[in-house]
Amino acid sequence: MPVTLPVTISRIDRQKMNVTKEIQRINSQEIERNISASASWHAQYKDSPYVFVANVPFDLTEGDLIAVFSQYGEILDIQLARDKSTGQSKGFAFLKYEDQRSTVLAVDNLNNIQLLGRTIRVDHASAETKDGRRRTGMNAAPQSIKDEGKSSDSDSEDEDEFADKFDPDDPMRDYLIKKLKKEKKKAKKRAKKEKKEKKSNR
């Protein structure tokens, strides 16, 4: 008699699975009942071209996600959540399509698919963050030609410092390095300002 090992699934994993299955269930019911686009549950997001992607494999880069999701439309913006100190993916992202209709296709076709052994969740997302600000991410559009070739010695040193943090084939690599350089410059300015304030307070 074969021995079966108990499979333990965490409460959070069960919730993720339930959400992806619920989206599938609603979609199939709408197809069966021939619900019109205006009456569909998708219609409440008609003003938002964003989708939320959860349970993203940690090895995937912004470029990988663009490759997967661009089959349903042009992606203008991507924000893959990363740890501020390590730059590692947190496993979820927001993507902005050029056309809101692409979000419907992405949610209907990519929700609950297997990506590198993980079942991803794809859902609509509001165009605003929880605190009411307009959602912004990283521009997925190609870098302008005029920005190319401009780098000082200190910039190239910073680039060397950050270069090994990102995959050389990642199309977002240059943007991410530039973002880290800006953050480093801001941190240096803050440190100088604090140093001056300490001196003046003596």
Protein backbone atom coordinates (compact mmCIF):
# COMPACT_ATOMS: atom_id res chain seq x y z
CA MET A 1 0.00 0.00 0.00
CA PRO A 2 1.57 3.34 -1.04
CA VAL A 3 2.35 5.82 1.71
CA THR A 4 0.96 9.31 1.13
CA LEU A 5 2.66 12.21 2.85
CA PRO A 6 0.43 14.98 4.19
CA VAL A 7 0.71 18.18 2.15
CA THR A 8 0.55 21.26 4.33
CA ILE A 9 -0.51 24.48 2.66
CA SER A 10 -0.25 27.70 4.63
CA ARG A 11 -3.33 29.85 5.23
CA ILE A 12 -1.86 32.63 3.04
CA ASP A 13 -1.20 30.19 0.16
CA ARG A 14 -4.79 28.91 0.45
CA GLN A 15 -6.09 32.49 0.26
CA LYS A 16 -4.01 33.16 -2.87
CA MET A 17 -5.32 29.96 -4.48
CA ASN A 18 -8.89 30.90 -3.55
CA VAL A 19 -8.59 34.34 -5.18
CA THR A 20 -7.21 32.95 -8.44
CA LYS A 21 -9.90 30.25 -8.52
CA GLU A 22 -12.63 32.80 -7.72
CA ILE A 23 -11.55 34.99 -10.66
CA GLN A 24 -11.69 31.93 -12.93
CA ARG A 25 -15.12 30.95 -11.58
CA ILE A 26 -16.58 34.44 -12.17
CA ASN A 27 -15.13 34.58 -15.68
CA SER A 28 -16.55 31.20 -16.67
CA GLN A 29 -19.99 32.14 -15.27
CA GLU A 30 -19.98 35.34 -17.34
CA ILE A 31 -19.14 33.34 -20.47
CA GLU A 32 -21.91 30.79 -19.75
CA ARG A 33 -24.50 33.53 -19.16
CA ASN A 34 -23.27 35.63 -22.11
CA ILE A 35 -22.82 38.73 -19.93
CA SER A 36 -22.13 41.92 -21.92
CA ALA A 37 -18.85 43.83 -21.46
CA SER A 38 -20.64 46.75 -19.78
CA ALA A 39 -22.24 44.42 -17.20
CA SER A 40 -19.06 42.40 -16.59
CA TRP A 41 -17.14 42.63 -13.31
CA HIS A 42 -14.24 43.97 -15.41
CA ALA A 43 -16.26 47.14 -16.11
CA GLN A 44 -15.64 48.56 -12.62
CA TYR A 45 -11.96 48.92 -13.65
CA LYS A 46 -12.70 50.58 -17.01
CA ASP A 47 -10.71 53.68 -16.00
CA SER A 48 -7.61 51.82 -14.85
CA PRO A 49 -5.04 50.36 -17.27
CA TYR A 50 -3.18 48.61 -14.40
CA VAL A 51 -2.99 44.95 -13.40
CA PHE A 52 -1.63 43.46 -10.20
CA VAL A 53 0.52 40.32 -10.47
CA ALA A 54 1.14 38.20 -7.38
CA ASN A 55 3.21 35.09 -6.62
CA VAL A 56 5.80 36.10 -9.24
CA PRO A 57 8.83 33.76 -9.26
CA PHE A 58 11.70 35.60 -7.56
CA ASP A 59 14.08 34.93 -10.48
CA LEU A 60 11.96 36.91 -12.94
CA THR A 61 13.03 40.44 -13.88
CA GLU A 62 10.97 43.37 -15.17
CA GLY A 63 12.03 42.37 -18.69
CA ASP A 64 10.75 38.82 -18.19
CA LEU A 65 7.36 40.09 -17.02
CA ILE A 66 7.14 42.47 -19.98
CA ALA A 67 7.86 39.52 -22.31
CA VAL A 68 5.02 37.46 -20.76
CA PHE A 69 2.41 40.23 -20.45
CA SER A 70 3.06 42.12 -23.69
CA GLN A 71 1.32 39.38 -25.67
CA TYR A 72 -1.95 41.11 -24.65
CA GLY A 73 -0.92 44.70 -25.36
CA GLU A 74 1.81 47.29 -25.11
CA ILE A 75 3.12 47.84 -21.59
CA LEU A 76 3.92 51.44 -20.69
CA ASP A 77 4.86 51.04 -17.07
CA ILE A 78 6.08 48.30 -14.73
CA GLN A 79 6.76 48.30 -11.02
CA LEU A 80 8.24 45.07 -9.70
CA ALA A 81 8.42 45.41 -5.92
CA ARG A 82 12.01 45.04 -4.75
CA ASP A 83 13.73 45.03 -1.38
CA LYS A 84 15.35 48.47 -0.93
CA SER A 85 18.55 47.14 0.59
CA THR A 86 19.17 44.03 -1.56
CA GLY A 87 17.31 44.83 -4.80
CA GLN A 88 15.72 41.35 -4.70
CA SER A 89 12.19 40.86 -6.01
CA LYS A 90 9.40 40.67 -3.42
CA GLY A 91 7.28 38.52 -5.74
CA PHE A 92 4.59 40.99 -6.85
CA ALA A 93 4.27 43.71 -9.47
CA PHE A 94 2.02 46.33 -11.06
CA LEU A 95 1.88 46.70 -14.84
CA LYS A 96 0.28 49.46 -16.86
CA TYR A 97 -1.05 48.78 -20.35
CA GLU A 98 -1.46 51.37 -23.08
CA ASP A 99 -5.08 50.26 -23.56
CA GLN A 100 -7.36 49.28 -20.67
CA ARG A 101 -8.90 46.49 -22.78
CA SER A 102 -5.55 44.69 -22.55
CA THR A 103 -6.04 44.38 -18.78
CA VAL A 104 -9.17 42.31 -19.34
CA LEU A 105 -7.30 39.97 -21.67
CA ALA A 106 -4.40 39.65 -19.23
CA VAL A 107 -6.67 38.92 -16.25
CA ASP A 108 -8.76 36.41 -18.22
CA ASN A 109 -5.83 34.59 -19.82
CA LEU A 110 -2.88 34.86 -17.43
CA ASN A 111 -4.55 34.50 -14.03
CA ASN A 112 -3.84 31.05 -12.52
CA ILE A 113 -1.17 30.06 -15.07
CA GLN A 114 2.03 28.28 -14.05
CA LEU A 115 5.16 30.40 -14.38
CA LEU A 116 8.41 28.66 -13.43
CA GLY A 117 6.48 26.28 -11.21
CA ARG A 118 4.43 28.96 -9.44
CA THR A 119 0.75 29.74 -9.97
CA ILE A 120 0.50 33.47 -10.56
CA ARG A 121 -2.46 35.66 -9.71
CA VAL A 122 -3.39 38.40 -12.18
CA ASP A 123 -6.07 40.87 -11.15
CA HIS A 124 -7.19 44.39 -11.97
CA ALA A 125 -5.61 47.20 -9.96
CA SER A 126 -6.79 50.72 -9.27
CA ALA A 127 -4.99 53.60 -10.97
CA GLU A 128 -4.54 55.11 -7.50
CA THR A 129 -2.56 53.85 -4.53
CA LYS A 130 -4.20 53.28 -1.13
CA ASP A 131 -3.25 56.78 0.00
CA GLY A 132 -5.03 58.31 -3.02
CA ARG A 133 -1.97 59.16 -5.11
CA ARG A 134 -1.77 58.37 -8.81
CA ARG A 135 0.07 55.06 -9.28
CA THR A 136 3.50 55.43 -10.87
CA GLY A 137 6.18 52.89 -11.55
CA MET A 138 9.11 52.49 -13.86
CA ASN A 139 8.70 53.62 -17.41
CA ALA A 140 8.91 50.57 -19.66
CA ALA A 141 9.39 52.73 -22.75
CA PRO A 142 12.86 52.63 -24.34
CA GLN A 143 15.46 55.07 -23.06
CA SER A 144 15.82 58.16 -25.26
CA ILE A 145 18.88 58.30 -27.49
CA LYS A 146 19.97 61.68 -26.10
CA ASP A 147 20.48 60.14 -22.64
CA GLU A 148 22.92 57.55 -23.99
CA GLY A 149 26.64 58.07 -23.63
CA LYS A 150 26.37 60.70 -20.89
CA SER A 151 28.30 59.53 -17.85
CA SER A 152 30.90 61.09 -15.60
CA ASP A 153 33.74 59.18 -13.87
CA SER A 154 31.75 59.03 -10.63
CA ASP A 155 28.71 57.71 -12.51
CA SER A 156 30.77 54.90 -14.06
CA GLU A 157 32.12 54.02 -10.59
CA ASP A 158 28.56 53.84 -9.26
CA GLU A 159 27.55 51.74 -12.27
CA ASP A 160 30.36 49.27 -11.48
CA GLU A 161 29.12 49.13 -7.89
CA PHE A 162 25.51 48.35 -8.90
CA ALA A 163 26.17 46.37 -12.11
CA ASP A 164 26.39 42.93 -10.49
CA LYS A 165 23.01 43.43 -8.75
CA PHE A 166 21.10 43.07 -12.01
CA ASP A 167 20.98 40.61 -14.88
CA PRO A 168 22.95 42.02 -17.88
CA ASP A 169 20.16 40.85 -20.22
CA ASP A 170 17.45 42.64 -18.23
CA PRO A 171 16.06 45.48 -20.41
CA MET A 172 15.32 47.47 -17.23
CA ARG A 173 18.93 47.12 -15.95
CA ASP A 174 20.13 50.60 -16.99
CA TYR A 175 17.05 52.23 -15.50
CA LEU A 176 17.45 50.38 -12.19
CA ILE A 177 21.14 51.28 -11.95
CA LYS A 178 20.27 54.93 -12.65
CA LYS A 179 17.62 54.80 -9.92
CA LEU A 180 20.08 53.38 -7.38
CA LYS A 181 22.64 56.07 -8.30
CA LYS A 182 20.03 58.79 -7.65
CA GLU A 183 19.15 57.24 -4.29
CA LYS A 184 22.86 57.13 -3.37
CA LYS A 185 23.30 60.82 -4.29
CA LYS A 186 20.25 61.77 -2.20
CA ALA A 187 21.62 59.81 0.77
CA LYS A 188 24.99 61.63 0.44
CA LYS A 189 23.23 65.02 0.35
CA ARG A 190 21.17 64.13 3.45
CA ALA A 191 24.32 63.01 5.28
CA LYS A 192 26.12 66.29 4.40
CA LYS A 193 23.11 68.33 5.52
CA GLU A 194 22.92 66.47 8.84
CA LYS A 195 26.67 66.95 9.36
CA LYS A 196 26.34 70.73 8.78
CA GLU A 197 23.38 70.93 11.18
CA LYS A 198 25.34 69.11 13.88
CA LYS A 199 28.28 71.51 13.47
CA SER A 200 26.05 74.59 13.65
CA ASN A 201 24.32 73.26 16.78
CA ARG A 202 27.66 72.96 18.67
